[in-house]
Amino acid sequence: MDNPPNRFKRAITEGRQQIGLRSQLASPIATEVIADAGFDFIVLDCEHAPNDVVTVMPQLQIVDRSATSAILRMPWNDMVLTKRYLDIGAQTLLIPYVQTAQEAVRAVSYVRYPPDGVRGVATMHRANRYGRIKTYLSDAAKEICLLAQVETKVALDNLEEIAAVDGLDGVFVGPADLAASMGHIGDPAHADVQAAILGVPARLEKFGKPAGILAPVAADARRYIEAGYVFTAVGSDLALLSSHTAAL
């Protein structure tokens, strides 16, 4: 048995636009509905949703049976949590609140086995199909995709240094937190925030690192894609449920 290929990692590495949805309902049913809706990826949110290792695992099992890729947004840049989510089969991790190259380097070390990193070694878990993928220890890093979430002014100031970190596969911009950090809380549409957002892809291009973003407003999503963003989350299940039930 071979290690499953990371379709999302291949797509963004090749510059193929990926459109996805963020899932905050922490529900296998909601995840199953989204996974079969035709999106390229689904972000399983463990930062701002009541997800944990136990609730995420069945959602990964559902997504893995679909044509959609799972991105797991971590609660924090944490070695122990990273190990646990990788062991249950997450292949793409989004690390929140990365502000410096040093923090990005730590994140890379958490997803790699020694001697390249500090990921703890277990011989039987879901990621290696309970011991059936005999080459998992040597090949795991090839299919792991690591994304840094850049969401503060400090992080933007350090963007080039973060992007230069070997082992980081992409950068994801968080508009709401970025707006707050820039003194415009609740107003990501502010001209200064938008100018900073639109400048990110060009700054990353020389490092070969694709940019991603959350863009629940369709006009914003189109503008970001035109600016060079490669993976775009265009909404969330929670927001869709809220808006559509209110409309009904």
C-alpha atoms as a PDB file:
ATOM      1  CA  MET A   1       0.000   0.000   0.000  1.00  0.00           C
ATOM      2  CA  ASP A   2       1.286   3.449  -0.965  1.00  0.00           C
ATOM      3  CA  ASN A   3       1.012   6.754   0.867  1.00  0.00           C
ATOM      4  CA  PRO A   4      -2.016   8.617  -0.609  1.00  0.00           C
ATOM      5  CA  PRO A   5      -0.960  11.504  -2.881  1.00  0.00           C
ATOM      6  CA  ASN A   6      -1.714  15.039  -1.701  1.00  0.00           C
ATOM      7  CA  ARG A   7      -3.768  16.416  -4.591  1.00  0.00           C
ATOM      8  CA  PHE A   8      -4.006  19.866  -3.040  1.00  0.00           C
ATOM      9  CA  LYS A   9      -0.225  20.161  -2.637  1.00  0.00           C
ATOM     10  CA  ARG A  10       0.312  19.199  -6.256  1.00  0.00           C
ATOM     11  CA  ALA A  11      -2.325  21.655  -7.464  1.00  0.00           C
ATOM     12  CA  ILE A  12      -0.996  24.732  -5.680  1.00  0.00           C
ATOM     13  CA  THR A  13       2.604  23.818  -6.531  1.00  0.00           C
ATOM     14  CA  GLU A  14       1.583  23.802 -10.187  1.00  0.00           C
ATOM     15  CA  GLY A  15      -0.316  27.077  -9.799  1.00  0.00           C
ATOM     16  CA  ARG A  16      -3.752  25.561 -10.445  1.00  0.00           C
ATOM     17  CA  GLN A  17      -6.499  27.647  -8.847  1.00  0.00           C
ATOM     18  CA  GLN A  18      -8.240  25.915  -5.953  1.00  0.00           C
ATOM     19  CA  ILE A  19     -11.603  27.054  -4.600  1.00  0.00           C
ATOM     20  CA  GLY A  20     -12.765  25.858  -1.213  1.00  0.00           C
ATOM     21  CA  LEU A  21     -15.058  26.300   1.770  1.00  0.00           C
ATOM     22  CA  ARG A  22     -14.327  26.592   5.475  1.00  0.00           C
ATOM     23  CA  SER A  23     -16.220  24.212   7.771  1.00  0.00           C
ATOM     24  CA  GLN A  24     -16.995  25.421  11.299  1.00  0.00           C
ATOM     25  CA  LEU A  25     -19.989  23.248  12.209  1.00  0.00           C
ATOM     26  CA  ALA A  26     -17.816  20.405  13.551  1.00  0.00           C
ATOM     27  CA  SER A  27     -20.318  17.998  12.008  1.00  0.00           C
ATOM     28  CA  PRO A  28     -19.577  14.906   9.915  1.00  0.00           C
ATOM     29  CA  ILE A  29     -22.899  15.458   8.133  1.00  0.00           C
ATOM     30  CA  ALA A  30     -22.003  19.016   7.154  1.00  0.00           C
ATOM     31  CA  THR A  31     -18.551  17.847   6.087  1.00  0.00           C
ATOM     32  CA  GLU A  32     -20.060  15.107   3.926  1.00  0.00           C
ATOM     33  CA  VAL A  33     -22.432  17.573   2.243  1.00  0.00           C
ATOM     34  CA  ILE A  34     -19.548  19.940   1.462  1.00  0.00           C
ATOM     35  CA  ALA A  35     -17.170  17.181   0.362  1.00  0.00           C
ATOM     36  CA  ASP A  36     -19.572  16.112  -2.383  1.00  0.00           C
ATOM     37  CA  ALA A  37     -20.466  19.662  -3.496  1.00  0.00           C
ATOM     38  CA  GLY A  38     -17.594  20.053  -5.951  1.00  0.00           C
ATOM     39  CA  PHE A  39     -15.156  22.266  -4.047  1.00  0.00           C
ATOM     40  CA  ASP A  40     -11.442  21.658  -4.473  1.00  0.00           C
ATOM     41  CA  PHE A  41     -10.821  21.789  -0.722  1.00  0.00           C
ATOM     42  CA  ILE A  42     -12.521  22.073   2.633  1.00  0.00           C
ATOM     43  CA  VAL A  43     -10.883  23.771   5.615  1.00  0.00           C
ATOM     44  CA  LEU A  44     -11.668  21.823   8.780  1.00  0.00           C
ATOM     45  CA  ASP A  45     -11.393  24.582  11.348  1.00  0.00           C
ATOM     46  CA  CYS A  46      -9.872  23.729  14.722  1.00  0.00           C
ATOM     47  CA  GLU A  47      -8.949  27.336  15.578  1.00  0.00           C
ATOM     48  CA  HIS A  48     -12.337  29.080  15.696  1.00  0.00           C
ATOM     49  CA  ALA A  49     -14.646  26.049  15.764  1.00  0.00           C
ATOM     50  CA  PRO A  50     -15.257  23.383  18.442  1.00  0.00           C
ATOM     51  CA  ASN A  51     -13.263  20.721  16.612  1.00  0.00           C
ATOM     52  CA  ASP A  52     -10.632  18.511  18.213  1.00  0.00           C
ATOM     53  CA  VAL A  53      -8.693  15.365  17.302  1.00  0.00           C
ATOM     54  CA  VAL A  54     -11.628  13.062  18.066  1.00  0.00           C
ATOM     55  CA  THR A  55     -14.212  15.052  16.062  1.00  0.00           C
ATOM     56  CA  VAL A  56     -11.885  15.732  13.137  1.00  0.00           C
ATOM     57  CA  MET A  57     -10.938  12.111  12.454  1.00  0.00           C
ATOM     58  CA  PRO A  58     -14.367  11.008  11.112  1.00  0.00           C
ATOM     59  CA  GLN A  59     -14.486  14.180   9.025  1.00  0.00           C
ATOM     60  CA  LEU A  60     -11.131  13.280   7.462  1.00  0.00           C
ATOM     61  CA  GLN A  61     -12.461   9.786   6.746  1.00  0.00           C
ATOM     62  CA  ILE A  62     -15.413  11.340   4.912  1.00  0.00           C
ATOM     63  CA  VAL A  63     -13.336  13.827   2.914  1.00  0.00           C
ATOM     64  CA  ASP A  64     -10.796  11.176   1.925  1.00  0.00           C
ATOM     65  CA  ARG A  65     -13.544   9.265   0.126  1.00  0.00           C
ATOM     66  CA  SER A  66     -14.380  12.304  -2.011  1.00  0.00           C
ATOM     67  CA  ALA A  67     -12.663  14.338  -4.724  1.00  0.00           C
ATOM     68  CA  THR A  68     -12.196  17.217  -2.252  1.00  0.00           C
ATOM     69  CA  SER A  69      -8.978  17.795  -0.302  1.00  0.00           C
ATOM     70  CA  ALA A  70      -8.937  18.504   3.424  1.00  0.00           C
ATOM     71  CA  ILE A  71      -6.990  21.390   4.937  1.00  0.00           C
ATOM     72  CA  LEU A  72      -6.832  21.225   8.702  1.00  0.00           C
ATOM     73  CA  ARG A  73      -6.549  24.621  10.346  1.00  0.00           C
ATOM     74  CA  MET A  74      -4.661  23.988  13.554  1.00  0.00           C
ATOM     75  CA  PRO A  75      -5.580  25.565  16.889  1.00  0.00           C
ATOM     76  CA  TRP A  76      -1.970  26.735  17.283  1.00  0.00           C
ATOM     77  CA  ASN A  77       1.609  26.156  16.165  1.00  0.00           C
ATOM     78  CA  ASP A  78       2.102  23.323  18.628  1.00  0.00           C
ATOM     79  CA  MET A  79       4.347  20.265  18.403  1.00  0.00           C
ATOM     80  CA  VAL A  80       2.052  17.864  20.272  1.00  0.00           C
ATOM     81  CA  LEU A  81      -1.124  18.868  18.457  1.00  0.00           C
ATOM     82  CA  THR A  82       0.654  18.715  15.095  1.00  0.00           C
ATOM     83  CA  LYS A  83       1.781  15.163  15.810  1.00  0.00           C
ATOM     84  CA  ARG A  84      -1.721  14.073  16.782  1.00  0.00           C
ATOM     85  CA  TYR A  85      -3.415  15.563  13.715  1.00  0.00           C
ATOM     86  CA  LEU A  86      -0.803  14.097  11.378  1.00  0.00           C
ATOM     87  CA  ASP A  87      -1.196  10.683  12.984  1.00  0.00           C
ATOM     88  CA  ILE A  88      -4.958  10.650  12.296  1.00  0.00           C
ATOM     89  CA  GLY A  89      -4.261  11.298   8.620  1.00  0.00           C
ATOM     90  CA  ALA A  90      -4.250  15.053   8.032  1.00  0.00           C
ATOM     91  CA  GLN A  91      -1.909  15.801   5.130  1.00  0.00           C
ATOM     92  CA  THR A  92      -2.353  19.565   4.775  1.00  0.00           C
ATOM     93  CA  LEU A  93      -1.989  21.761   7.847  1.00  0.00           C
ATOM     94  CA  LEU A  94      -2.698  25.488   8.112  1.00  0.00           C
ATOM     95  CA  ILE A  95      -0.800  27.012  11.027  1.00  0.00           C
ATOM     96  CA  PRO A  96      -2.381  30.172  12.480  1.00  0.00           C
ATOM     97  CA  TYR A  97      -0.621  33.334  13.622  1.00  0.00           C
ATOM     98  CA  VAL A  98       2.805  32.731  12.108  1.00  0.00           C
ATOM     99  CA  GLN A  99       4.667  36.024  12.508  1.00  0.00           C
ATOM    100  CA  THR A 100       8.342  35.215  12.018  1.00  0.00           C
ATOM    101  CA  ALA A 101      10.636  32.931  10.070  1.00  0.00           C
ATOM    102  CA  GLN A 102      11.605  31.258  13.352  1.00  0.00           C
ATOM    103  CA  GLU A 103       7.983  30.300  13.990  1.00  0.00           C
ATOM    104  CA  ALA A 104       7.724  28.917  10.451  1.00  0.00           C
ATOM    105  CA  VAL A 105      10.898  26.896  10.981  1.00  0.00           C
ATOM    106  CA  ARG A 106       9.398  25.410  14.147  1.00  0.00           C
ATOM    107  CA  ALA A 107       6.231  24.473  12.250  1.00  0.00           C
ATOM    108  CA  VAL A 108       8.304  22.677   9.611  1.00  0.00           C
ATOM    109  CA  SER A 109      10.184  20.758  12.293  1.00  0.00           C
ATOM    110  CA  TYR A 110       6.891  19.594  13.823  1.00  0.00           C
ATOM    111  CA  VAL A 111       5.766  17.859  10.598  1.00  0.00           C
ATOM    112  CA  ARG A 112       9.056  16.075   9.877  1.00  0.00           C
ATOM    113  CA  TYR A 113      10.573  13.019  11.468  1.00  0.00           C
ATOM    114  CA  PRO A 114      14.125  13.082  12.849  1.00  0.00           C
ATOM    115  CA  PRO A 115      16.749  13.931  11.856  1.00  0.00           C
ATOM    116  CA  ASP A 116      14.955  16.633   9.826  1.00  0.00           C
ATOM    117  CA  GLY A 117      12.450  17.482  12.539  1.00  0.00           C
ATOM    118  CA  VAL A 118      10.945  16.498  15.865  1.00  0.00           C
ATOM    119  CA  ARG A 119       7.742  14.651  14.955  1.00  0.00           C
ATOM    120  CA  GLY A 120       7.274  11.731  17.285  1.00  0.00           C
ATOM    121  CA  VAL A 121       7.397   8.275  15.713  1.00  0.00           C
ATOM    122  CA  ALA A 122       4.482   5.863  16.038  1.00  0.00           C
ATOM    123  CA  THR A 123       4.399   2.616  14.100  1.00  0.00           C
ATOM    124  CA  MET A 124       0.631   2.202  13.778  1.00  0.00           C
ATOM    125  CA  HIS A 125      -1.944   4.949  13.176  1.00  0.00           C
ATOM    126  CA  ARG A 126      -4.449   6.055  10.559  1.00  0.00           C
ATOM    127  CA  ALA A 127      -1.867   8.025   8.546  1.00  0.00           C
ATOM    128  CA  ASN A 128       0.128   4.870   7.764  1.00  0.00           C
ATOM    129  CA  ARG A 129      -3.080   2.857   7.414  1.00  0.00           C
ATOM    130  CA  TYR A 130      -2.400   1.100  10.682  1.00  0.00           C
ATOM    131  CA  GLY A 131       1.020  -0.123   9.665  1.00  0.00           C
ATOM    132  CA  ARG A 132       0.163  -1.165   6.112  1.00  0.00           C
ATOM    133  CA  ILE A 133       2.111   1.662   4.396  1.00  0.00           C
ATOM    134  CA  LYS A 134       5.600   0.272   4.938  1.00  0.00           C
ATOM    135  CA  THR A 135       7.360   3.325   3.457  1.00  0.00           C
ATOM    136  CA  TYR A 136       5.442   5.896   5.489  1.00  0.00           C
ATOM    137  CA  LEU A 137       8.312   6.958   7.740  1.00  0.00           C
ATOM    138  CA  SER A 138      10.580   7.705   4.790  1.00  0.00           C
ATOM    139  CA  ASP A 139       7.925   9.154   2.460  1.00  0.00           C
ATOM    140  CA  ALA A 140       5.499  11.034   4.740  1.00  0.00           C
ATOM    141  CA  ALA A 141       7.066  14.477   4.259  1.00  0.00           C
ATOM    142  CA  LYS A 142       6.587  14.307   0.482  1.00  0.00           C
ATOM    143  CA  GLU A 143       2.805  14.341   0.836  1.00  0.00           C
ATOM    144  CA  ILE A 144       2.519  16.755   3.772  1.00  0.00           C
ATOM    145  CA  CYS A 145       1.590  20.312   2.803  1.00  0.00           C
ATOM    146  CA  LEU A 146       2.383  23.037   5.332  1.00  0.00           C
ATOM    147  CA  LEU A 147       0.724  26.449   5.094  1.00  0.00           C
ATOM    148  CA  ALA A 148       1.497  29.471   7.261  1.00  0.00           C
ATOM    149  CA  GLN A 149      -1.358  31.789   8.154  1.00  0.00           C
ATOM    150  CA  VAL A 150      -0.163  35.401   7.938  1.00  0.00           C
ATOM    151  CA  GLU A 151      -2.596  37.656   9.765  1.00  0.00           C
ATOM    152  CA  THR A 152      -0.748  40.520  11.452  1.00  0.00           C
ATOM    153  CA  LYS A 153       1.217  43.586  10.440  1.00  0.00           C
ATOM    154  CA  VAL A 154       4.320  42.007  11.995  1.00  0.00           C
ATOM    155  CA  ALA A 155       3.849  38.928   9.820  1.00  0.00           C
ATOM    156  CA  LEU A 156       3.475  41.062   6.687  1.00  0.00           C
ATOM    157  CA  ASP A 157       6.636  42.942   7.588  1.00  0.00           C
ATOM    158  CA  ASN A 158       8.395  39.569   7.812  1.00  0.00           C
ATOM    159  CA  LEU A 159       6.676  38.015   4.798  1.00  0.00           C
ATOM    160  CA  GLU A 160       9.779  37.478   2.676  1.00  0.00           C
ATOM    161  CA  GLU A 161      11.681  35.860   5.545  1.00  0.00           C
ATOM    162  CA  ILE A 162       8.725  33.561   6.270  1.00  0.00           C
ATOM    163  CA  ALA A 163       8.331  32.637   2.594  1.00  0.00           C
ATOM    164  CA  ALA A 164      12.016  31.756   2.334  1.00  0.00           C
ATOM    165  CA  VAL A 165      11.693  28.954   4.925  1.00  0.00           C
ATOM    166  CA  ASP A 166      12.390  25.567   3.345  1.00  0.00           C
ATOM    167  CA  GLY A 167       9.530  23.141   3.874  1.00  0.00           C
ATOM    168  CA  LEU A 168       6.812  25.787   3.868  1.00  0.00           C
ATOM    169  CA  ASP A 169       4.473  25.159   0.925  1.00  0.00           C
ATOM    170  CA  GLY A 170       2.286  28.261   0.934  1.00  0.00           C
ATOM    171  CA  VAL A 171       1.022  31.320   2.775  1.00  0.00           C
ATOM    172  CA  PHE A 172      -2.589  32.010   3.708  1.00  0.00           C
ATOM    173  CA  VAL A 173      -3.761  35.536   4.521  1.00  0.00           C
ATOM    174  CA  GLY A 174      -6.347  36.112   7.264  1.00  0.00           C
ATOM    175  CA  PRO A 175      -8.100  39.399   6.385  1.00  0.00           C
ATOM    176  CA  ALA A 176     -10.056  39.883   9.638  1.00  0.00           C
ATOM    177  CA  ASP A 177      -7.073  39.544  11.965  1.00  0.00           C
ATOM    178  CA  LEU A 178      -4.881  41.517   9.590  1.00  0.00           C
ATOM    179  CA  ALA A 179      -7.381  44.377   9.622  1.00  0.00           C
ATOM    180  CA  ALA A 180      -7.432  44.321  13.426  1.00  0.00           C
ATOM    181  CA  SER A 181      -3.639  44.316  13.582  1.00  0.00           C
ATOM    182  CA  MET A 182      -3.502  47.307  11.234  1.00  0.00           C
ATOM    183  CA  GLY A 183      -5.900  49.306  13.421  1.00  0.00           C
ATOM    184  CA  HIS A 184      -9.060  48.652  11.384  1.00  0.00           C
ATOM    185  CA  ILE A 185     -10.811  45.946  13.388  1.00  0.00           C
ATOM    186  CA  GLY A 186     -14.030  44.803  11.736  1.00  0.00           C
ATOM    187  CA  ASP A 187     -13.107  46.577   8.501  1.00  0.00           C
ATOM    188  CA  PRO A 188     -11.038  44.308   6.237  1.00  0.00           C
ATOM    189  CA  ALA A 189     -12.342  46.353   3.292  1.00  0.00           C
ATOM    190  CA  HIS A 190     -10.312  49.367   4.427  1.00  0.00           C
ATOM    191  CA  ALA A 191      -8.099  50.653   1.618  1.00  0.00           C
ATOM    192  CA  ASP A 192      -4.864  50.110   3.562  1.00  0.00           C
ATOM    193  CA  VAL A 193      -5.791  46.514   4.396  1.00  0.00           C
ATOM    194  CA  GLN A 194      -6.789  45.769   0.829  1.00  0.00           C
ATOM    195  CA  ALA A 195      -3.575  47.263  -0.528  1.00  0.00           C
ATOM    196  CA  ALA A 196      -1.567  45.011   1.796  1.00  0.00           C
ATOM    197  CA  ILE A 197      -3.598  41.946   0.794  1.00  0.00           C
ATOM    198  CA  LEU A 198      -3.309  42.594  -2.932  1.00  0.00           C
ATOM    199  CA  GLY A 199       0.457  42.968  -2.671  1.00  0.00           C
ATOM    200  CA  VAL A 200       1.091  39.553  -1.111  1.00  0.00           C
ATOM    201  CA  PRO A 201       1.173  37.293  -4.226  1.00  0.00           C
ATOM    202  CA  ALA A 202       3.823  39.389  -5.966  1.00  0.00           C
ATOM    203  CA  ARG A 203       5.970  39.381  -2.832  1.00  0.00           C
ATOM    204  CA  LEU A 204       5.738  35.576  -2.636  1.00  0.00           C
ATOM    205  CA  GLU A 205       6.328  34.912  -6.318  1.00  0.00           C
ATOM    206  CA  LYS A 206      10.124  35.050  -6.176  1.00  0.00           C
ATOM    207  CA  PHE A 207      10.085  32.361  -3.496  1.00  0.00           C
ATOM    208  CA  GLY A 208       7.763  30.106  -5.480  1.00  0.00           C
ATOM    209  CA  LYS A 209       5.251  30.070  -2.623  1.00  0.00           C
ATOM    210  CA  PRO A 210       1.553  30.264  -3.576  1.00  0.00           C
ATOM    211  CA  ALA A 211      -0.793  32.591  -1.719  1.00  0.00           C
ATOM    212  CA  GLY A 212      -4.198  31.719  -0.314  1.00  0.00           C
ATOM    213  CA  ILE A 213      -6.922  33.744   1.357  1.00  0.00           C
ATOM    214  CA  LEU A 214     -10.392  33.696   2.899  1.00  0.00           C
ATOM    215  CA  ALA A 215     -12.783  35.740   0.746  1.00  0.00           C
ATOM    216  CA  PRO A 216     -16.479  35.305   1.598  1.00  0.00           C
ATOM    217  CA  VAL A 217     -17.459  38.206  -0.678  1.00  0.00           C
ATOM    218  CA  ALA A 218     -17.520  37.062  -4.314  1.00  0.00           C
ATOM    219  CA  ALA A 219     -16.191  40.341  -5.711  1.00  0.00           C
ATOM    220  CA  ASP A 220     -13.246  40.169  -3.314  1.00  0.00           C
ATOM    221  CA  ALA A 221     -12.508  36.579  -4.288  1.00  0.00           C
ATOM    222  CA  ARG A 222     -12.403  37.498  -7.974  1.00  0.00           C
ATOM    223  CA  ARG A 223     -10.131  40.464  -7.298  1.00  0.00           C
ATOM    224  CA  TYR A 224      -7.750  38.381  -5.181  1.00  0.00           C
ATOM    225  CA  ILE A 225      -7.566  35.654  -7.817  1.00  0.00           C
ATOM    226  CA  GLU A 226      -6.768  38.279 -10.443  1.00  0.00           C
ATOM    227  CA  ALA A 227      -4.007  39.555  -8.138  1.00  0.00           C
ATOM    228  CA  GLY A 228      -2.419  36.093  -8.094  1.00  0.00           C
ATOM    229  CA  TYR A 229      -3.966  34.190  -5.189  1.00  0.00           C
ATOM    230  CA  VAL A 230      -3.912  30.458  -5.936  1.00  0.00           C
ATOM    231  CA  PHE A 231      -6.184  28.955  -3.258  1.00  0.00           C
ATOM    232  CA  THR A 232      -9.265  30.797  -2.075  1.00  0.00           C
ATOM    233  CA  ALA A 233     -11.835  29.877   0.563  1.00  0.00           C
ATOM    234  CA  VAL A 234     -15.046  31.560  -0.560  1.00  0.00           C
ATOM    235  CA  GLY A 235     -17.190  31.120   2.545  1.00  0.00           C
ATOM    236  CA  SER A 236     -18.094  28.853   5.441  1.00  0.00           C
ATOM    237  CA  ASP A 237     -20.800  26.335   6.217  1.00  0.00           C
ATOM    238  CA  LEU A 238     -21.766  28.283   9.355  1.00  0.00           C
ATOM    239  CA  ALA A 239     -22.227  31.532   7.404  1.00  0.00           C
ATOM    240  CA  LEU A 240     -24.218  29.754   4.685  1.00  0.00           C
ATOM    241  CA  LEU A 241     -26.511  28.146   7.247  1.00  0.00           C
ATOM    242  CA  SER A 242     -27.014  31.444   9.026  1.00  0.00           C
ATOM    243  CA  SER A 243     -27.730  33.511   5.926  1.00  0.00           C
ATOM    244  CA  HIS A 244     -29.965  30.974   4.207  1.00  0.00           C
ATOM    245  CA  THR A 245     -32.057  30.193   7.283  1.00  0.00           C
ATOM    246  CA  ALA A 246     -32.538  33.928   7.868  1.00  0.00           C
ATOM    247  CA  ALA A 247     -33.577  34.402   4.233  1.00  0.00           C
ATOM    248  CA  LEU A 248     -36.004  31.489   4.425  1.00  0.00           C
END
